[in-house]
Protein backbone atom coordinates (compact mmCIF):
# COMPACT_ATOMS: atom_id res chain seq x y z
CA MET A 1 85.78 86.00 98.75
CA ARG A 2 87.88 84.00 96.28
CA PHE A 3 86.34 80.61 97.11
CA PRO A 4 83.05 81.12 98.99
CA ASP A 5 81.54 78.64 101.43
CA LEU A 6 79.33 75.90 100.03
CA THR A 7 77.16 74.31 102.73
CA ILE A 8 74.75 71.37 103.03
CA GLU A 9 72.44 71.40 106.04
CA THR A 10 70.83 68.16 107.18
CA THR A 11 68.89 66.72 110.12
CA ASP A 12 69.92 63.39 111.63
CA ASP A 13 67.67 60.69 113.12
CA ASP A 14 67.58 62.53 116.43
CA LYS A 15 66.31 65.70 114.71
CA LYS A 16 69.64 67.36 115.33
CA ALA A 17 70.76 69.83 112.68
CA ARG A 18 74.13 69.30 111.07
CA SER A 19 75.99 71.20 108.41
CA PHE A 20 78.84 70.28 106.07
CA THR A 21 80.90 73.06 104.51
CA VAL A 22 83.51 73.18 101.74
CA HIS A 23 84.74 75.97 99.43
CA ARG A 24 83.18 76.33 96.00
CA VAL A 25 85.80 76.49 93.27
CA ALA A 26 83.75 76.32 90.07
CA HIS A 27 80.34 75.62 88.60
CA LEU A 28 78.69 75.30 85.22
CA ILE A 29 74.93 75.75 85.01
CA THR A 30 72.95 75.70 81.79
CA ASN A 31 69.40 76.71 81.02
CA THR A 32 68.42 75.55 77.54
CA SER A 33 64.67 75.29 78.10
CA GLY A 34 63.59 78.85 78.95
CA PRO A 35 63.58 81.07 82.07
CA HIS A 36 64.87 79.38 85.21
CA ASP A 37 62.50 78.96 88.15
CA ARG A 38 64.48 80.53 91.02
CA SER A 39 62.36 78.64 93.57
CA ARG A 40 64.06 75.43 92.46
CA PRO A 41 67.73 74.51 93.00
CA ASP A 42 70.24 74.86 90.19
CA ARG A 43 71.26 71.53 88.71
CA PRO A 44 74.80 72.08 87.46
CA TRP A 45 76.55 70.06 84.79
CA LEU A 46 79.76 70.65 86.81
CA LEU A 47 80.39 71.57 90.44
CA ALA A 48 83.88 71.77 91.92
CA TYR A 49 84.79 72.29 95.57
CA ALA A 50 87.77 72.02 97.90
CA ALA A 51 88.27 71.36 101.61
CA SER A 52 90.22 69.20 104.00
CA THR A 53 90.13 65.54 103.03
CA SER A 54 87.66 64.60 105.78
CA ALA A 55 85.38 67.61 105.18
CA ALA A 56 85.29 66.96 101.42
CA ARG A 57 84.47 63.29 102.00
CA ALA A 58 81.55 64.10 104.34
CA PHE A 59 80.21 66.82 102.02
CA THR A 60 80.41 64.51 98.99
CA ALA A 61 78.52 61.75 100.78
CA ASN A 62 75.65 64.13 101.56
CA LEU A 63 75.70 65.62 98.04
CA ARG A 64 75.47 62.13 96.54
CA CYS A 65 72.43 61.43 98.76
CA GLY A 66 70.57 64.37 97.23
CA GLY A 67 71.41 67.11 99.71
CA ALA A 68 70.97 70.65 98.41
CA ALA A 69 74.07 72.84 98.80
CA LYS A 70 73.85 76.61 99.39
CA CYS A 71 76.35 79.25 98.37
CA MET A 72 75.90 83.03 98.27
CA GLY A 73 72.14 82.83 97.72
CA ALA A 74 72.37 79.99 95.18
CA ARG A 75 71.26 76.39 95.75
CA TYR A 76 72.75 73.39 93.97
CA GLU A 77 71.29 69.93 93.59
CA LEU A 78 72.91 66.97 91.82
CA LEU A 79 70.12 64.56 90.87
CA ARG A 80 70.83 60.99 91.86
CA SER A 81 69.21 59.85 88.60
CA LEU A 82 72.00 61.47 86.57
CA PRO A 83 75.36 59.72 86.12
CA TYR A 84 77.62 62.30 87.78
CA ARG A 85 81.26 61.38 88.01
CA TYR A 86 83.26 62.53 91.03
CA ARG A 87 86.94 63.16 90.36
CA VAL A 88 89.01 63.61 93.51
CA SER A 89 92.57 64.94 93.66
CA SER A 90 94.84 66.08 96.46
CA PRO A 91 96.41 69.42 95.42
CA THR A 92 98.15 69.77 98.79
CA PRO A 93 98.67 67.32 101.67
CA GLY A 94 95.51 66.95 103.72
CA ALA A 95 93.30 68.78 101.18
CA SER A 96 90.97 67.46 98.51
CA LEU A 97 89.63 68.98 95.31
CA VAL A 98 86.41 67.30 94.08
CA VAL A 99 84.96 67.86 90.63
CA ALA A 100 81.47 66.46 90.10
CA TYR A 101 80.42 66.55 86.44
CA LEU A 102 78.46 64.80 83.70
CA PRO A 103 80.97 62.98 81.50
CA GLU A 104 78.66 62.71 78.47
CA ILE A 105 78.56 66.52 78.38
CA LEU A 106 82.18 67.36 79.15
CA HIS A 107 84.24 64.43 77.85
CA LEU A 108 85.53 64.15 74.33
CA GLN A 109 83.71 60.83 73.98
CA PRO A 110 80.09 60.94 75.18
CA GLY A 111 79.17 58.51 77.95
CA ALA A 112 76.55 55.81 77.98
CA PHE A 113 73.86 58.19 79.25
CA ASP A 114 71.84 59.30 76.23
CA ARG A 115 70.00 62.61 76.20
CA GLY A 116 68.42 61.59 72.94
CA SER A 117 69.81 61.24 69.45
CA ASN A 118 67.84 64.29 68.35
CA VAL A 119 70.06 66.72 70.30
CA LEU A 120 73.78 67.41 70.23
CA ALA A 121 74.69 68.70 73.68
CA PHE A 122 78.19 69.26 75.04
CA VAL A 123 80.58 71.80 76.53
CA SER A 124 84.02 72.39 75.05
CA ALA A 125 86.54 73.70 77.59
CA PRO A 126 90.00 72.37 76.71
CA PRO A 127 92.85 72.57 79.26
CA LEU A 128 94.79 75.83 79.14
CA TRP A 129 98.13 74.02 79.19
CA TRP A 130 97.08 72.15 76.03
CA LEU A 131 95.92 75.33 74.28
CA ASP A 132 99.24 76.99 75.19
CA ARG A 133 101.17 74.06 73.74
CA GLN A 134 99.14 73.92 70.54
CA GLU A 135 99.38 77.68 70.09
CA LYS A 136 103.16 77.54 70.43
CA GLN A 137 103.44 74.69 67.91
CA LEU A 138 101.19 76.37 65.37
CA ALA A 139 102.25 80.01 65.87
CA ASP A 140 104.98 80.12 63.19
CA GLU A 141 102.54 78.96 60.50
CA LEU A 142 99.26 80.46 61.69
CA GLY A 143 100.22 83.55 63.68
CA ASP A 144 97.34 85.15 65.60
CA ASP A 145 94.96 82.39 64.46
CA ALA A 146 96.91 79.63 66.23
CA ARG A 147 94.90 79.60 69.47
CA ASP A 148 91.58 79.61 67.64
CA TYR A 149 92.81 76.68 65.52
CA ALA A 150 93.36 74.75 68.76
CA ARG A 151 89.93 75.68 70.08
CA ALA A 152 88.40 74.63 66.76
CA MET A 153 90.16 71.25 67.02
CA ALA A 154 88.61 70.66 70.45
CA PHE A 155 85.16 71.83 69.38
CA VAL A 156 84.97 69.88 66.12
CA SER A 157 86.35 66.73 67.78
CA ARG A 158 83.38 66.81 70.16
CA LEU A 159 80.95 67.36 67.31
CA ASP A 160 82.47 64.46 65.40
CA THR A 161 81.94 61.99 68.27
CA ARG A 162 78.27 63.01 68.65
CA THR A 163 77.01 63.01 65.11
CA PRO A 164 77.00 60.31 62.42
CA LEU A 165 77.45 63.01 59.78
CA PRO A 166 80.87 63.20 58.13
CA ILE A 167 82.92 66.33 58.88
CA THR A 168 85.72 67.12 56.45
CA ASN A 169 89.11 66.44 58.00
CA SER A 170 90.76 69.78 57.22
CA PRO A 171 92.11 72.11 59.94
CA ASP A 172 91.28 75.14 57.82
CA PHE A 173 87.72 73.97 57.39
CA HIS A 174 87.46 73.20 61.13
CA LEU A 175 88.44 76.74 61.97
CA ALA A 176 85.90 78.18 59.51
CA LEU A 177 83.17 75.88 60.86
CA TYR A 178 84.04 76.80 64.46
CA ARG A 179 83.90 80.54 63.81
CA ARG A 180 80.64 80.17 61.93
CA ALA A 181 79.17 78.09 64.76
CA LEU A 182 80.01 80.87 67.23
CA GLU A 183 77.55 83.11 65.35
CA GLU A 184 74.71 80.63 65.77
CA PRO A 185 72.15 80.88 68.63
CA TRP A 186 72.85 77.28 69.65
CA THR A 187 76.39 78.04 70.85
CA THR A 188 77.03 80.17 73.93
CA LEU A 189 80.13 81.39 75.75
CA GLY A 190 79.75 81.97 79.49
CA TYR A 191 80.45 85.71 79.30
CA GLU A 192 77.89 86.21 76.51
CA ASP A 193 74.65 85.12 78.20
CA ARG A 194 74.75 84.12 81.86
CA LYS A 195 71.04 83.37 81.82
CA LYS A 196 71.76 80.58 79.37
CA LEU A 197 75.22 79.53 80.52
CA ASP A 198 76.42 80.47 84.01
CA THR A 199 80.05 79.58 84.66
CA VAL A 200 82.42 80.37 87.53
CA GLY A 201 85.98 79.32 88.19
CA PHE A 202 87.02 77.42 85.06
CA GLY A 203 90.30 79.32 84.98
CA ASP A 204 90.99 78.05 88.50
CA LEU A 205 90.51 74.52 87.19
CA GLY A 206 93.03 75.21 84.44
CA LEU A 207 90.34 75.13 81.73
CA ASP A 208 89.45 77.51 78.91
CA GLU A 209 86.25 79.57 78.87
CA PRO A 210 83.45 77.00 78.38
CA LEU A 211 81.58 76.91 75.07
CA LEU A 212 78.10 75.37 75.18
CA CYS A 213 76.71 73.63 72.12
CA TYR A 214 73.04 72.66 72.27
CA VAL A 215 71.45 72.01 68.90
CA SER A 216 68.92 69.65 67.36
CA ALA A 217 70.34 67.03 65.04
CA ALA A 218 68.18 68.33 62.21
CA GLU A 219 69.37 71.92 62.63
CA PHE A 220 73.00 70.85 62.83
CA GLU A 221 72.61 68.73 59.69
CA HIS A 222 71.37 71.80 57.81
CA PHE A 223 74.16 73.96 59.27
CA LEU A 224 76.86 71.44 58.32
CA ALA A 225 75.54 70.99 54.78
CA ASP A 226 75.35 74.76 54.24
CA THR A 227 78.81 75.35 55.75
CA THR A 228 80.35 72.57 53.65
CA THR A 229 78.76 73.90 50.46
CA ARG A 230 79.86 77.50 51.15
CA LEU A 231 83.35 76.97 52.55
CA LEU A 232 84.81 73.61 51.64
CA PRO A 233 86.34 74.53 48.26
CA ARG A 234 88.18 77.48 49.83
CA HIS A 235 89.50 75.65 52.88
CA VAL A 236 90.82 72.32 51.64
CA ARG A 237 94.52 72.48 50.93
CA PRO A 238 97.51 70.26 51.73
CA ARG A 239 98.73 70.83 55.28
CA PRO A 240 100.68 68.90 57.90
CA GLU A 241 98.36 66.89 60.14
CA ALA A 242 97.21 68.88 63.17
CA PRO A 243 98.68 67.92 66.55
CA SER A 244 96.78 65.24 68.41
CA LEU A 245 94.41 65.97 71.27
CA PRO A 246 96.01 65.97 74.69
CA VAL A 247 96.88 63.18 77.06
CA VAL A 248 96.08 64.82 80.40
CA PRO A 249 98.77 64.77 83.12
CA PRO A 250 97.97 64.38 86.81
CA PRO A 251 96.42 67.46 88.46
CA THR A 252 98.73 70.05 89.96
CA PHE A 253 98.22 72.93 92.34
CA ASP A 254 99.62 76.43 92.21
CA SER A 255 98.93 78.23 95.48
CA SER A 256 99.42 81.62 93.87
CA ALA A 257 96.84 81.01 91.17
CA GLY A 258 94.31 78.81 92.95
CA VAL A 259 93.29 75.33 92.05
CA GLN A 260 94.71 73.95 88.80
CA LEU A 261 93.19 70.78 87.38
CA GLY A 262 94.04 69.29 84.03
CA LEU A 263 90.75 67.54 83.28
CA GLY A 264 90.50 65.44 80.15
CA PHE A 265 87.73 67.56 78.69
């Protein structure tokens, strides 16, 4: 099933059972603290679902109240104590796409919620339309490296907003730092280790494969100092300024490809 059912079951004041069902589009679940206890619900950093406008509204109300949602053997819970943001769009008349996510994890600029200054935690998943545009603009000069340059821009920009440490403003250095970071245990792509980073449906949201960064400030400081010492002299050279990060257009929907959402991640 392309978009499986996602259901919340509740009991009203008269002890009558009720259920609210939508279609799951995407999720992002991380486990950075060891083996996950399968007896407890998953607490995603992002959960996206679609349904008719009225069904999505009722489901969202119950999800906000702490209802646990079930889908294909999995259970999701969005803690009320966390500052989830709910972004609602209408891809087709009478239908709603809802994306519930933690902005301090997925936005370029971290939100007010602070996980602690001792940890740098974020997910980089730039919009595919933006990657395509950057790749096209950079292809003549960079060839096969153009898309990775764009990914490096997105990744390093998120690092830069979450650390007080200075990061050299050189696109060549950013690419080298990005590729070196991919070899570290504190970065994870969804297809590499699903026990640590479980992702579904980001392509349907119009987003790149998510890259998780979860590293202590002390370890990142050592990594940055070592990377700068090793690579900076080789990667600083005059170059035109890299294209700016994207201004995200309104969401669109392509019925042949599923849900498309240009999130400002």
